[in-house]
Amino acid sequence: VTGGFGAQGKARGRAVYTVNLYSG
């Protein structure tokens, strides 16, 4: 998980930005 409002605790946002460990 690299960021996004959804990655934060008790956030109103849903978006979670990620990097796939296998493919990058």
PDB file of all heavy atoms in Angstrom:
ATOM      1  N   VAL A   1       0.852  -1.187   0.000  1.00  0.00           N
ATOM      2  CA  VAL A   1       0.000   0.000   0.000  1.00  0.00           C
ATOM      3  C   VAL A   1       0.891   1.242   0.000  1.00  0.00           C
ATOM      4  O   VAL A   1       1.729   1.416   0.887  1.00  0.00           O
ATOM      5  CB  VAL A   1      -0.939   0.006   1.225  1.00  0.00           C
ATOM      6  CG1 VAL A   1      -1.778   1.275   1.251  1.00  0.00           C
ATOM      7  CG2 VAL A   1      -1.826  -1.231   1.220  1.00  0.00           C
ATOM      8  N   THR A   2       0.706   2.092  -0.998  1.00  0.00           N
ATOM      9  CA  THR A   2       1.570   3.273  -1.152  1.00  0.00           C
ATOM     10  C   THR A   2       0.872   4.588  -0.839  1.00  0.00           C
ATOM     11  O   THR A   2       1.528   5.628  -0.730  1.00  0.00           O
ATOM     12  CB  THR A   2       2.131   3.344  -2.581  1.00  0.00           C
ATOM     13  OG1 THR A   2       1.044   3.383  -3.519  1.00  0.00           O
ATOM     14  CG2 THR A   2       3.018   2.132  -2.878  1.00  0.00           C
ATOM     15  N   GLY A   3      -0.452   4.574  -0.702  1.00  0.00           N
ATOM     16  CA  GLY A   3      -1.143   5.828  -0.400  1.00  0.00           C
ATOM     17  C   GLY A   3      -2.626   5.745  -0.679  1.00  0.00           C
ATOM     18  O   GLY A   3      -3.190   4.660  -0.829  1.00  0.00           O
ATOM     19  N   GLY A   4      -3.246   6.934  -0.744  1.00  0.00           N
ATOM     20  CA  GLY A   4      -4.690   7.024  -0.970  1.00  0.00           C
ATOM     21  C   GLY A   4      -5.429   7.343   0.314  1.00  0.00           C
ATOM     22  O   GLY A   4      -5.007   6.932   1.395  1.00  0.00           O
ATOM     23  N   PHE A   5      -6.521   8.083   0.187  1.00  0.00           N
ATOM     24  CA  PHE A   5      -7.290   8.452   1.376  1.00  0.00           C
ATOM     25  C   PHE A   5      -7.816   7.220   2.106  1.00  0.00           C
ATOM     26  O   PHE A   5      -7.923   7.205   3.327  1.00  0.00           O
ATOM     27  CB  PHE A   5      -8.459   9.370   0.991  1.00  0.00           C
ATOM     28  CG  PHE A   5      -8.030  10.754   0.597  1.00  0.00           C
ATOM     29  CD1 PHE A   5      -8.320  11.244  -0.659  1.00  0.00           C
ATOM     30  CD2 PHE A   5      -7.328  11.562   1.477  1.00  0.00           C
ATOM     31  CE1 PHE A   5      -7.919  12.523  -1.033  1.00  0.00           C
ATOM     32  CE2 PHE A   5      -6.915  12.842   1.120  1.00  0.00           C
ATOM     33  CZ  PHE A   5      -7.222  13.316  -0.152  1.00  0.00           C
ATOM     34  N   GLY A   6      -8.143   6.175   1.344  1.00  0.00           N
ATOM     35  CA  GLY A   6      -8.673   4.969   1.966  1.00  0.00           C
ATOM     36  C   GLY A   6      -7.648   4.206   2.782  1.00  0.00           C
ATOM     37  O   GLY A   6      -8.006   3.346   3.589  1.00  0.00           O
ATOM     38  N   ALA A   7      -6.381   4.510   2.575  1.00  0.00           N
ATOM     39  CA  ALA A   7      -5.320   3.825   3.320  1.00  0.00           C
ATOM     40  C   ALA A   7      -5.159   4.383   4.729  1.00  0.00           C
ATOM     41  O   ALA A   7      -4.518   3.763   5.579  1.00  0.00           O
ATOM     42  CB  ALA A   7      -3.994   3.935   2.567  1.00  0.00           C
ATOM     43  N   GLN A   8      -5.740   5.558   4.975  1.00  0.00           N
ATOM     44  CA  GLN A   8      -5.605   6.195   6.276  1.00  0.00           C
ATOM     45  C   GLN A   8      -6.644   5.650   7.256  1.00  0.00           C
ATOM     46  O   GLN A   8      -7.680   5.125   6.858  1.00  0.00           O
ATOM     47  CB  GLN A   8      -5.770   7.719   6.146  1.00  0.00           C
ATOM     48  CG  GLN A   8      -4.854   8.346   5.108  1.00  0.00           C
ATOM     49  CD  GLN A   8      -3.394   7.985   5.311  1.00  0.00           C
ATOM     50  OE1 GLN A   8      -2.880   8.071   6.435  1.00  0.00           O
ATOM     51  NE2 GLN A   8      -2.735   7.587   4.240  1.00  0.00           N
ATOM     52  N   GLY A   9      -6.368   5.767   8.521  1.00  0.00           N
ATOM     53  CA  GLY A   9      -7.293   5.290   9.539  1.00  0.00           C
ATOM     54  C   GLY A   9      -8.526   6.171   9.648  1.00  0.00           C
ATOM     55  O   GLY A   9      -8.416   7.397   9.618  1.00  0.00           O
ATOM     56  N   LYS A  10      -9.703   5.560   9.741  1.00  0.00           N
ATOM     57  CA  LYS A  10     -10.975   6.264   9.886  1.00  0.00           C
ATOM     58  C   LYS A  10     -11.179   7.315   8.807  1.00  0.00           C
ATOM     59  O   LYS A  10     -11.784   8.369   9.044  1.00  0.00           O
ATOM     60  CB  LYS A  10     -11.064   6.918  11.267  1.00  0.00           C
ATOM     61  CG  LYS A  10     -11.002   5.917  12.423  1.00  0.00           C
ATOM     62  CD  LYS A  10     -11.091   6.599  13.763  1.00  0.00           C
ATOM     63  CE  LYS A  10     -11.008   5.590  14.901  1.00  0.00           C
ATOM     64  NZ  LYS A  10     -11.049   6.232  16.241  1.00  0.00           N
ATOM     65  N   ALA A  11     -10.671   7.041   7.614  1.00  0.00           N
ATOM     66  CA  ALA A  11     -10.784   7.999   6.519  1.00  0.00           C
ATOM     67  C   ALA A  11     -12.150   7.905   5.853  1.00  0.00           C
ATOM     68  O   ALA A  11     -12.777   6.846   5.836  1.00  0.00           O
ATOM     69  CB  ALA A  11      -9.694   7.740   5.485  1.00  0.00           C
ATOM     70  N   ARG A  12     -12.602   9.018   5.301  1.00  0.00           N
ATOM     71  CA  ARG A  12     -13.856   9.019   4.556  1.00  0.00           C
ATOM     72  C   ARG A  12     -13.639   8.508   3.136  1.00  0.00           C
ATOM     73  O   ARG A  12     -14.553   8.015   2.506  1.00  0.00           O
ATOM     74  CB  ARG A  12     -14.439  10.425   4.518  1.00  0.00           C
ATOM     75  CG  ARG A  12     -14.922  10.914   5.878  1.00  0.00           C
ATOM     76  CD  ARG A  12     -15.595  12.262   5.767  1.00  0.00           C
ATOM     77  NE  ARG A  12     -16.100  12.724   7.053  1.00  0.00           N
ATOM     78  CZ  ARG A  12     -16.730  13.879   7.234  1.00  0.00           C
ATOM     79  NH1 ARG A  12     -16.920  14.690   6.204  1.00  0.00           N
ATOM     80  NH2 ARG A  12     -17.154  14.218   8.424  1.00  0.00           N
ATOM     81  N   GLY A  13     -12.426   8.656   2.641  1.00  0.00           N
ATOM     82  CA  GLY A  13     -12.127   8.207   1.292  1.00  0.00           C
ATOM     83  C   GLY A  13     -12.018   6.691   1.221  1.00  0.00           C
ATOM     84  O   GLY A  13     -11.881   6.011   2.243  1.00  0.00           O
ATOM     85  N   ARG A  14     -12.105   6.163  -0.003  1.00  0.00           N
ATOM     86  CA  ARG A  14     -12.032   4.712  -0.194  1.00  0.00           C
ATOM     87  C   ARG A  14     -10.783   4.277  -0.936  1.00  0.00           C
ATOM     88  O   ARG A  14     -10.362   3.141  -0.843  1.00  0.00           O
ATOM     89  CB  ARG A  14     -13.260   4.220  -0.961  1.00  0.00           C
ATOM     90  CG  ARG A  14     -14.578   4.424  -0.251  1.00  0.00           C
ATOM     91  CD  ARG A  14     -15.719   3.830  -1.056  1.00  0.00           C
ATOM     92  NE  ARG A  14     -15.779   4.398  -2.403  1.00  0.00           N
ATOM     93  CZ  ARG A  14     -16.452   3.879  -3.419  1.00  0.00           C
ATOM     94  NH1 ARG A  14     -17.130   2.758  -3.241  1.00  0.00           N
ATOM     95  NH2 ARG A  14     -16.467   4.458  -4.603  1.00  0.00           N
ATOM     96  N   ALA A  15     -10.205   5.165  -1.740  1.00  0.00           N
ATOM     97  CA  ALA A  15      -9.120   4.800  -2.648  1.00  0.00           C
ATOM     98  C   ALA A  15      -7.858   4.361  -1.907  1.00  0.00           C
ATOM     99  O   ALA A  15      -7.395   5.035  -0.978  1.00  0.00           O
ATOM    100  CB  ALA A  15      -8.780   5.967  -3.569  1.00  0.00           C
ATOM    101  N   VAL A  16      -7.342   3.212  -2.333  1.00  0.00           N
ATOM    102  CA  VAL A  16      -6.085   2.689  -1.792  1.00  0.00           C
ATOM    103  C   VAL A  16      -5.171   2.412  -2.989  1.00  0.00           C
ATOM    104  O   VAL A  16      -5.520   1.610  -3.856  1.00  0.00           O
ATOM    105  CB  VAL A  16      -6.311   1.384  -0.991  1.00  0.00           C
ATOM    106  CG1 VAL A  16      -4.978   0.802  -0.533  1.00  0.00           C
ATOM    107  CG2 VAL A  16      -7.230   1.642   0.202  1.00  0.00           C
ATOM    108  N   TYR A  17      -4.026   3.082  -3.021  1.00  0.00           N
ATOM    109  CA  TYR A  17      -3.083   2.899  -4.125  1.00  0.00           C
ATOM    110  C   TYR A  17      -2.021   1.886  -3.724  1.00  0.00           C
ATOM    111  O   TYR A  17      -1.507   1.909  -2.592  1.00  0.00           O
ATOM    112  CB  TYR A  17      -2.453   4.241  -4.516  1.00  0.00           C
ATOM    113  CG  TYR A  17      -3.488   5.205  -5.050  1.00  0.00           C
ATOM    114  CD1 TYR A  17      -3.990   6.231  -4.254  1.00  0.00           C
ATOM    115  CD2 TYR A  17      -4.001   5.052  -6.330  1.00  0.00           C
ATOM    116  CE1 TYR A  17      -4.972   7.093  -4.730  1.00  0.00           C
ATOM    117  CE2 TYR A  17      -4.979   5.907  -6.829  1.00  0.00           C
ATOM    118  CZ  TYR A  17      -5.455   6.922  -6.016  1.00  0.00           C
ATOM    119  OH  TYR A  17      -6.433   7.759  -6.498  1.00  0.00           O
ATOM    120  N   THR A  18      -1.706   1.000  -4.657  1.00  0.00           N
ATOM    121  CA  THR A  18      -0.830  -0.130  -4.330  1.00  0.00           C
ATOM    122  C   THR A  18       0.163  -0.420  -5.445  1.00  0.00           C
ATOM    123  O   THR A  18      -0.001   0.023  -6.584  1.00  0.00           O
ATOM    124  CB  THR A  18      -1.652  -1.412  -4.094  1.00  0.00           C
ATOM    125  OG1 THR A  18      -2.261  -1.809  -5.340  1.00  0.00           O
ATOM    126  CG2 THR A  18      -2.737  -1.211  -3.049  1.00  0.00           C
ATOM    127  N   VAL A  19       1.184  -1.188  -5.077  1.00  0.00           N
ATOM    128  CA  VAL A  19       2.108  -1.773  -6.038  1.00  0.00           C
ATOM    129  C   VAL A  19       2.072  -3.282  -5.833  1.00  0.00           C
ATOM    130  O   VAL A  19       2.265  -3.764  -4.710  1.00  0.00           O
ATOM    131  CB  VAL A  19       3.552  -1.260  -5.835  1.00  0.00           C
ATOM    132  CG1 VAL A  19       4.499  -1.967  -6.801  1.00  0.00           C
ATOM    133  CG2 VAL A  19       3.635   0.241  -6.025  1.00  0.00           C
ATOM    134  N   ASN A  20       1.791  -4.015  -6.889  1.00  0.00           N
ATOM    135  CA  ASN A  20       1.759  -5.469  -6.793  1.00  0.00           C
ATOM    136  C   ASN A  20       3.177  -5.987  -6.566  1.00  0.00           C
ATOM    137  O   ASN A  20       4.096  -5.633  -7.298  1.00  0.00           O
ATOM    138  CB  ASN A  20       1.176  -6.059  -8.086  1.00  0.00           C
ATOM    139  CG  ASN A  20       1.136  -7.571  -8.060  1.00  0.00           C
ATOM    140  OD1 ASN A  20       2.146  -8.231  -8.283  1.00  0.00           O
ATOM    141  ND2 ASN A  20      -0.025  -8.116  -7.792  1.00  0.00           N
ATOM    142  N   LEU A  21       3.362  -6.825  -5.550  1.00  0.00           N
ATOM    143  CA  LEU A  21       4.711  -7.292  -5.210  1.00  0.00           C
ATOM    144  C   LEU A  21       5.315  -8.169  -6.297  1.00  0.00           C
ATOM    145  O   LEU A  21       6.530  -8.153  -6.498  1.00  0.00           O
ATOM    146  CB  LEU A  21       4.690  -8.076  -3.887  1.00  0.00           C
ATOM    147  CG  LEU A  21       4.445  -7.271  -2.612  1.00  0.00           C
ATOM    148  CD1 LEU A  21       4.737  -8.127  -1.388  1.00  0.00           C
ATOM    149  CD2 LEU A  21       5.266  -5.999  -2.569  1.00  0.00           C
ATOM    150  N   TYR A  22       4.497  -8.933  -6.989  1.00  0.00           N
ATOM    151  CA  TYR A  22       5.049  -9.827  -8.011  1.00  0.00           C
ATOM    152  C   TYR A  22       5.332  -9.102  -9.324  1.00  0.00           C
ATOM    153  O   TYR A  22       6.427  -9.199  -9.866  1.00  0.00           O
ATOM    154  CB  TYR A  22       4.104 -10.997  -8.276  1.00  0.00           C
ATOM    155  CG  TYR A  22       4.674 -11.997  -9.267  1.00  0.00           C
ATOM    156  CD1 TYR A  22       5.628 -12.927  -8.859  1.00  0.00           C
ATOM    157  CD2 TYR A  22       4.298 -11.983 -10.604  1.00  0.00           C
ATOM    158  CE1 TYR A  22       6.182 -13.829  -9.762  1.00  0.00           C
ATOM    159  CE2 TYR A  22       4.852 -12.883 -11.512  1.00  0.00           C
ATOM    160  CZ  TYR A  22       5.788 -13.795 -11.096  1.00  0.00           C
ATOM    161  OH  TYR A  22       6.339 -14.671 -11.997  1.00  0.00           O
ATOM    162  N   SER A  23       4.363  -8.355  -9.814  1.00  0.00           N
ATOM    163  CA  SER A  23       4.505  -7.728 -11.135  1.00  0.00           C
ATOM    164  C   SER A  23       5.076  -6.319 -11.094  1.00  0.00           C
ATOM    165  O   SER A  23       5.598  -5.825 -12.093  1.00  0.00           O
ATOM    166  CB  SER A  23       3.139  -7.672 -11.829  1.00  0.00           C
ATOM    167  OG  SER A  23       2.269  -6.776 -11.148  1.00  0.00           O
ATOM    168  N   GLY A  24       4.951  -5.655  -9.940  1.00  0.00           N
ATOM    169  CA  GLY A  24       5.389  -4.264  -9.847  1.00  0.00           C
ATOM    170  C   GLY A  24       4.371  -3.282 -10.407  1.00  0.00           C
ATOM    171  O   GLY A  24       4.609  -2.073 -10.442  1.00  0.00           O
TER     172      GLY A  24
END
